[in-house]
PDB file of N, CA and C in Angstrom:
ATOM      1  N   UNK A   1     230.958 110.329  34.731  1.00  0.00           N
ATOM      2  CA  UNK A   1     231.542 109.279  33.913  1.00  0.00           C
ATOM      3  C   UNK A   1     230.643 108.035  33.891  1.00  0.00           C
ATOM      4  N   UNK A   2     229.927 107.841  34.964  1.00  0.00           N
ATOM      5  CA  UNK A   2     229.080 106.654  35.035  1.00  0.00           C
ATOM      6  C   UNK A   2     227.916 106.720  34.052  1.00  0.00           C
ATOM      7  N   UNK A   3     227.364 107.920  33.791  1.00  0.00           N
ATOM      8  CA  UNK A   3     226.257 108.083  32.846  1.00  0.00           C
ATOM      9  C   UNK A   3     226.642 107.738  31.426  1.00  0.00           C
ATOM     10  N   UNK A   4     227.881 108.016  31.047  1.00  0.00           N
ATOM     11  CA  UNK A   4     228.342 107.714  29.699  1.00  0.00           C
ATOM     12  C   UNK A   4     228.383 106.204  29.483  1.00  0.00           C
ATOM     13  N   UNK A   5     228.844 105.481  30.466  1.00  0.00           N
ATOM     14  CA  UNK A   5     228.934 104.031  30.338  1.00  0.00           C
ATOM     15  C   UNK A   5     227.540 103.424  30.253  1.00  0.00           C
ATOM     16  N   UNK A   6     226.615 103.888  31.072  1.00  0.00           N
ATOM     17  CA  UNK A   6     225.257 103.365  31.027  1.00  0.00           C
ATOM     18  C   UNK A   6     224.582 103.686  29.688  1.00  0.00           C
ATOM     19  N   UNK A   7     224.832 104.853  29.127  1.00  0.00           N
ATOM     20  CA  UNK A   7     224.246 105.208  27.847  1.00  0.00           C
ATOM     21  C   UNK A   7     224.722 104.291  26.739  1.00  0.00           C
ATOM     22  N   UNK A   8     225.992 103.946  26.753  1.00  0.00           N
ATOM     23  CA  UNK A   8     226.507 103.041  25.727  1.00  0.00           C
ATOM     24  C   UNK A   8     225.920 101.649  25.883  1.00  0.00           C
ATOM     25  N   UNK A   9     225.752 101.211  27.114  1.00  0.00           N
ATOM     26  CA  UNK A   9     225.171  99.893  27.342  1.00  0.00           C
ATOM     27  C   UNK A   9     223.706  99.878  26.908  1.00  0.00           C
ATOM     28  N   UNK A  10     222.996 100.992  27.116  1.00  0.00           N
ATOM     29  CA  UNK A  10     221.606 101.073  26.664  1.00  0.00           C
ATOM     30  C   UNK A  10     221.513 100.928  25.154  1.00  0.00           C
ATOM     31  N   UNK A  11     222.423 101.561  24.427  1.00  0.00           N
ATOM     32  CA  UNK A  11     222.381 101.471  22.968  1.00  0.00           C
ATOM     33  C   UNK A  11     222.757 100.081  22.469  1.00  0.00           C
ATOM     34  N   UNK A  12     223.627  99.408  23.172  1.00  0.00           N
ATOM     35  CA  UNK A  12     223.939  98.016  22.820  1.00  0.00           C
ATOM     36  C   UNK A  12     222.700  97.153  23.032  1.00  0.00           C
ATOM     37  N   UNK A  13     221.979  97.414  24.118  1.00  0.00           N
ATOM     38  CA  UNK A  13     220.734  96.683  24.359  1.00  0.00           C
ATOM     39  C   UNK A  13     219.714  96.935  23.276  1.00  0.00           C
ATOM     40  N   UNK A  14     219.641  98.170  22.789  1.00  0.00           N
ATOM     41  CA  UNK A  14     218.715  98.455  21.697  1.00  0.00           C
ATOM     42  C   UNK A  14     219.133  97.730  20.432  1.00  0.00           C
ATOM     43  N   UNK A  15     220.417  97.690  20.160  1.00  0.00           N
ATOM     44  CA  UNK A  15     220.893  96.956  18.989  1.00  0.00           C
ATOM     45  C   UNK A  15     220.490  95.493  19.025  1.00  0.00           C
ATOM     46  N   UNK A  16     220.592  94.897  20.192  1.00  0.00           N
ATOM     47  CA  UNK A  16     220.173  93.502  20.338  1.00  0.00           C
ATOM     48  C   UNK A  16     218.663  93.348  20.161  1.00  0.00           C
ATOM     49  N   UNK A  17     217.898  94.306  20.651  1.00  0.00           N
ATOM     50  CA  UNK A  17     216.445  94.210  20.489  1.00  0.00           C
ATOM     51  C   UNK A  17     216.043  94.431  19.029  1.00  0.00           C
ATOM     52  N   UNK A  18     216.805  95.244  18.279  1.00  0.00           N
ATOM     53  CA  UNK A  18     216.501  95.456  16.862  1.00  0.00           C
ATOM     54  C   UNK A  18     216.754  94.175  16.070  1.00  0.00           C
ATOM     55  N   UNK A  19     217.762  93.420  16.469  1.00  0.00           N
ATOM     56  CA  UNK A  19     218.004  92.135  15.816  1.00  0.00           C
ATOM     57  C   UNK A  19     216.835  91.196  16.063  1.00  0.00           C
ATOM     58  N   UNK A  20     216.325  91.224  17.290  1.00  0.00           N
ATOM     59  CA  UNK A  20     215.154  90.401  17.609  1.00  0.00           C
ATOM     60  C   UNK A  20     213.942  90.785  16.804  1.00  0.00           C
ATOM     61  N   UNK A  21     213.758  92.096  16.591  1.00  0.00           N
ATOM     62  CA  UNK A  21     212.639  92.553  15.760  1.00  0.00           C
ATOM     63  C   UNK A  21     212.769  92.094  14.318  1.00  0.00           C
ATOM     64  N   UNK A  22     213.986  92.122  13.802  1.00  0.00           N
ATOM     65  CA  UNK A  22     214.223  91.660  12.426  1.00  0.00           C
ATOM     66  C   UNK A  22     213.934  90.174  12.283  1.00  0.00           C
ATOM     67  N   UNK A  23     214.336  89.409  13.277  1.00  0.00           N
ATOM     68  CA  UNK A  23     214.051  87.966  13.245  1.00  0.00           C
ATOM     69  C   UNK A  23     212.547  87.734  13.345  1.00  0.00           C
ATOM     70  N   UNK A  24     211.870  88.524  14.187  1.00  0.00           N
ATOM     71  CA  UNK A  24     210.419  88.381  14.322  1.00  0.00           C
ATOM     72  C   UNK A  24     209.675  88.671  13.034  1.00  0.00           C
ATOM     73  N   UNK A  25     210.066  89.725  12.341  1.00  0.00           N
ATOM     74  CA  UNK A  25     209.432  90.064  11.063  1.00  0.00           C
ATOM     75  C   UNK A  25     209.681  88.945  10.045  1.00  0.00           C
ATOM     76  N   UNK A  26     210.886  88.417  10.042  1.00  0.00           N
ATOM     77  CA  UNK A  26     211.190  87.310   9.138  1.00  0.00           C
ATOM     78  C   UNK A  26     210.331  86.089   9.410  1.00  0.00           C
ATOM     79  N   UNK A  27     210.123  85.765  10.680  1.00  0.00           N
ATOM     80  CA  UNK A  27     209.290  84.620  11.018  1.00  0.00           C
ATOM     81  C   UNK A  27     207.823  84.844  10.669  1.00  0.00           C
ATOM     82  N   UNK A  28     207.344  86.068  10.865  1.00  0.00           N
ATOM     83  CA  UNK A  28     205.943  86.377  10.534  1.00  0.00           C
ATOM     84  C   UNK A  28     205.705  86.190   9.037  1.00  0.00           C
ATOM     85  N   UNK A  29     206.571  86.745   8.210  1.00  0.00           N
ATOM     86  CA  UNK A  29     206.346  86.643   6.773  1.00  0.00           C
ATOM     87  C   UNK A  29     206.704  85.266   6.219  1.00  0.00           C
ATOM     88  N   UNK A  30     207.584  84.544   6.881  1.00  0.00           N
ATOM     89  CA  UNK A  30     207.838  83.151   6.470  1.00  0.00           C
ATOM     90  C   UNK A  30     206.589  82.309   6.686  1.00  0.00           C
ATOM     91  N   UNK A  31     205.911  82.523   7.819  1.00  0.00           N
ATOM     92  CA  UNK A  31     204.681  81.785   8.083  1.00  0.00           C
ATOM     93  C   UNK A  31     203.575  82.202   7.100  1.00  0.00           C
ATOM     94  N   UNK A  32     203.530  83.496   6.779  1.00  0.00           N
ATOM     95  CA  UNK A  32     202.525  83.986   5.819  1.00  0.00           C
ATOM     96  C   UNK A  32     202.744  83.369   4.435  1.00  0.00           C
ATOM     97  N   UNK A  33     203.974  83.378   3.979  1.00  0.00           N
ATOM     98  CA  UNK A  33     204.280  82.820   2.656  1.00  0.00           C
ATOM     99  C   UNK A  33     203.996  81.319   2.632  1.00  0.00           C
ATOM    100  N   UNK A  34     204.342  80.641   3.723  1.00  0.00           N
ATOM    101  CA  UNK A  34     204.084  79.206   3.806  1.00  0.00           C
ATOM    102  C   UNK A  34     202.578  78.930   3.777  1.00  0.00           C
ATOM    103  N   UNK A  35     201.799  79.729   4.495  1.00  0.00           N
ATOM    104  CA  UNK A  35     200.355  79.528   4.508  1.00  0.00           C
ATOM    105  C   UNK A  35     199.712  79.803   3.163  1.00  0.00           C
ATOM    106  N   UNK A  36     200.159  80.842   2.481  1.00  0.00           N
ATOM    107  CA  UNK A  36     199.590  81.172   1.165  1.00  0.00           C
ATOM    108  C   UNK A  36     200.026  80.134   0.125  1.00  0.00           C
ATOM    109  N   UNK A  37     201.222  79.607   0.267  1.00  0.00           N
ATOM    110  CA  UNK A  37     201.681  78.582  -0.675  1.00  0.00           C
ATOM    111  C   UNK A  37     200.860  77.300  -0.518  1.00  0.00           C
ATOM    112  N   UNK A  38     200.458  77.002   0.705  1.00  0.00           N
ATOM    113  CA  UNK A  38     199.657  75.795   0.923  1.00  0.00           C
ATOM    114  C   UNK A  38     198.195  75.990   0.515  1.00  0.00           C
ATOM    115  N   UNK A  39     197.647  77.171   0.816  1.00  0.00           N
ATOM    116  CA  UNK A  39     196.254  77.452   0.486  1.00  0.00           C
ATOM    117  C   UNK A  39     196.143  78.863  -0.088  1.00  0.00           C
ATOM    118  N   UNK A  40     196.289  79.012  -1.397  1.00  0.00           N
ATOM    119  CA  UNK A  40     196.250  80.343  -2.008  1.00  0.00           C
ATOM    120  C   UNK A  40     194.928  81.083  -1.770  1.00  0.00           C
ATOM    121  N   UNK A  41     193.846  80.343  -1.606  1.00  0.00           N
ATOM    122  CA  UNK A  41     192.553  81.016  -1.400  1.00  0.00           C
ATOM    123  C   UNK A  41     192.457  81.664  -0.009  1.00  0.00           C
ATOM    124  N   UNK A  42     193.365  81.360   0.895  1.00  0.00           N
ATOM    125  CA  UNK A  42     193.343  81.944   2.240  1.00  0.00           C
ATOM    126  C   UNK A  42     194.168  83.227   2.327  1.00  0.00           C
ATOM    127  N   UNK A  43     194.610  83.749   1.198  1.00  0.00           N
ATOM    128  CA  UNK A  43     195.459  84.953   1.224  1.00  0.00           C
ATOM    129  C   UNK A  43     194.736  86.143   1.835  1.00  0.00           C
ATOM    130  N   UNK A  44     193.460  86.314   1.533  1.00  0.00           N
ATOM    131  CA  UNK A  44     192.706  87.475   2.049  1.00  0.00           C
ATOM    132  C   UNK A  44     192.540  87.394   3.566  1.00  0.00           C
ATOM    133  N   UNK A  45     192.567  86.192   4.123  1.00  0.00           N
ATOM    134  CA  UNK A  45     192.448  86.043   5.560  1.00  0.00           C
ATOM    135  C   UNK A  45     193.820  86.210   6.226  1.00  0.00           C
ATOM    136  N   UNK A  46     194.864  85.692   5.600  1.00  0.00           N
ATOM    137  CA  UNK A  46     196.186  85.690   6.219  1.00  0.00           C
ATOM    138  C   UNK A  46     196.910  87.025   6.092  1.00  0.00           C
ATOM    139  N   UNK A  47     196.631  87.785   5.049  1.00  0.00           N
ATOM    140  CA  UNK A  47     197.386  89.027   4.824  1.00  0.00           C
ATOM    141  C   UNK A  47     197.200  90.058   5.948  1.00  0.00           C
ATOM    142  N   UNK A  48     195.974  90.324   6.413  1.00  0.00           N
ATOM    143  CA  UNK A  48     195.851  91.274   7.525  1.00  0.00           C
ATOM    144  C   UNK A  48     196.529  90.787   8.805  1.00  0.00           C
ATOM    145  N   UNK A  49     196.505  89.486   9.038  1.00  0.00           N
ATOM    146  CA  UNK A  49     197.165  88.934  10.212  1.00  0.00           C
ATOM    147  C   UNK A  49     198.670  89.127  10.114  1.00  0.00           C
ATOM    148  N   UNK A  50     199.219  88.948   8.909  1.00  0.00           N
ATOM    149  CA  UNK A  50     200.657  89.133   8.710  1.00  0.00           C
ATOM    150  C   UNK A  50     201.053  90.585   8.937  1.00  0.00           C
ATOM    151  N   UNK A  51     200.247  91.520   8.446  1.00  0.00           N
ATOM    152  CA  UNK A  51     200.559  92.937   8.647  1.00  0.00           C
ATOM    153  C   UNK A  51     200.404  93.347  10.107  1.00  0.00           C
ATOM    154  N   UNK A  52     199.457  92.747  10.811  1.00  0.00           N
ATOM    155  CA  UNK A  52     199.310  93.009  12.244  1.00  0.00           C
ATOM    156  C   UNK A  52     200.541  92.499  12.995  1.00  0.00           C
ATOM    157  N   UNK A  53     201.022  91.314  12.627  1.00  0.00           N
ATOM    158  CA  UNK A  53     202.239  90.787  13.248  1.00  0.00           C
ATOM    159  C   UNK A  53     203.433  91.674  12.954  1.00  0.00           C
ATOM    160  N   UNK A  54     203.532  92.198  11.748  1.00  0.00           N
ATOM    161  CA  UNK A  54     204.604  93.126  11.391  1.00  0.00           C
ATOM    162  C   UNK A  54     204.526  94.387  12.253  1.00  0.00           C
ATOM    163  N   UNK A  55     203.333  94.936  12.380  1.00  0.00           N
ATOM    164  CA  UNK A  55     203.168  96.169  13.148  1.00  0.00           C
ATOM    165  C   UNK A  55     203.515  95.964  14.623  1.00  0.00           C
ATOM    166  N   UNK A  56     203.075  94.864  15.207  1.00  0.00           N
ATOM    167  CA  UNK A  56     203.374  94.614  16.617  1.00  0.00           C
ATOM    168  C   UNK A  56     204.856  94.366  16.842  1.00  0.00           C
ATOM    169  N   UNK A  57     205.501  93.650  15.937  1.00  0.00           N
ATOM    170  CA  UNK A  57     206.932  93.389  16.080  1.00  0.00           C
ATOM    171  C   UNK A  57     207.730  94.673  15.964  1.00  0.00           C
ATOM    172  N   UNK A  58     207.390  95.525  15.006  1.00  0.00           N
ATOM    173  CA  UNK A  58     208.098  96.781  14.841  1.00  0.00           C
ATOM    174  C   UNK A  58     207.801  97.736  15.992  1.00  0.00           C
ATOM    175  N   UNK A  59     206.602  97.676  16.547  1.00  0.00           N
ATOM    176  CA  UNK A  59     206.272  98.526  17.699  1.00  0.00           C
ATOM    177  C   UNK A  59     207.155  98.170  18.884  1.00  0.00           C
ATOM    178  N   UNK A  60     207.426  96.898  19.080  1.00  0.00           N
ATOM    179  CA  UNK A  60     208.304  96.502  20.180  1.00  0.00           C
ATOM    180  C   UNK A  60     209.729  96.993  19.950  1.00  0.00           C
ATOM    181  N   UNK A  61     210.187  96.983  18.699  1.00  0.00           N
ATOM    182  CA  UNK A  61     211.532  97.493  18.409  1.00  0.00           C
ATOM    183  C   UNK A  61     211.604  99.000  18.648  1.00  0.00           C
ATOM    184  N   UNK A  62     210.565  99.725  18.277  1.00  0.00           N
ATOM    185  CA  UNK A  62     210.537 101.169  18.517  1.00  0.00           C
ATOM    186  C   UNK A  62     210.454 101.456  20.003  1.00  0.00           C
ATOM    187  N   UNK A  63     209.705 100.652  20.738  1.00  0.00           N
ATOM    188  CA  UNK A  63     209.630 100.809  22.185  1.00  0.00           C
ATOM    189  C   UNK A  63     211.000 100.578  22.817  1.00  0.00           C
ATOM    190  N   UNK A  64     211.766  99.627  22.287  1.00  0.00           N
ATOM    191  CA  UNK A  64     213.136  99.419  22.775  1.00  0.00           C
ATOM    192  C   UNK A  64     214.015 100.626  22.515  1.00  0.00           C
ATOM    193  N   UNK A  65     213.818 101.290  21.374  1.00  0.00           N
ATOM    194  CA  UNK A  65     214.572 102.507  21.076  1.00  0.00           C
ATOM    195  C   UNK A  65     214.225 103.613  22.065  1.00  0.00           C
ATOM    196  N   UNK A  66     212.958 103.759  22.373  1.00  0.00           N
ATOM    197  CA  UNK A  66     212.529 104.783  23.323  1.00  0.00           C
ATOM    198  C   UNK A  66     213.149 104.500  24.699  1.00  0.00           C
ATOM    199  N   UNK A  67     213.108 103.264  25.136  1.00  0.00           N
ATOM    200  CA  UNK A  67     213.679 102.929  26.443  1.00  0.00           C
ATOM    201  C   UNK A  67     215.198 103.094  26.461  1.00  0.00           C
ATOM    202  N   UNK A  68     215.844 102.894  25.329  1.00  0.00           N
ATOM    203  CA  UNK A  68     217.289 103.078  25.291  1.00  0.00           C
ATOM    204  C   UNK A  68     217.665 104.527  25.526  1.00  0.00           C
ATOM    205  N   UNK A  69     216.855 105.460  25.043  1.00  0.00           N
ATOM    206  CA  UNK A  69     217.167 106.873  25.248  1.00  0.00           C
ATOM    207  C   UNK A  69     216.618 107.406  26.562  1.00  0.00           C
ATOM    208  N   UNK A  70     215.546 106.827  27.068  1.00  0.00           N
ATOM    209  CA  UNK A  70     214.950 107.305  28.311  1.00  0.00           C
ATOM    210  C   UNK A  70     215.760 106.838  29.515  1.00  0.00           C
ATOM    211  N   UNK A  71     216.141 105.581  29.504  1.00  0.00           N
ATOM    212  CA  UNK A  71     216.875 105.032  30.659  1.00  0.00           C
ATOM    213  C   UNK A  71     218.300 105.371  30.509  1.00  0.00           C
TER     214      UNK A  71
END
């Protein structure tokens, strides 16, 4: 019975980490849009950085999913 309770708590923890990932992606692209709006000629420099931030933020959310099922 104890394993069932821990499994549910793990999934709640993953849900909270997914919310954090969504907020992180929103902040990354808000900064990207703000930077391009201020200096449109810097788009080629800022776009790869924004996609790298997206990839790292989503990787952390996927890592949280893996830990939710492993632990």
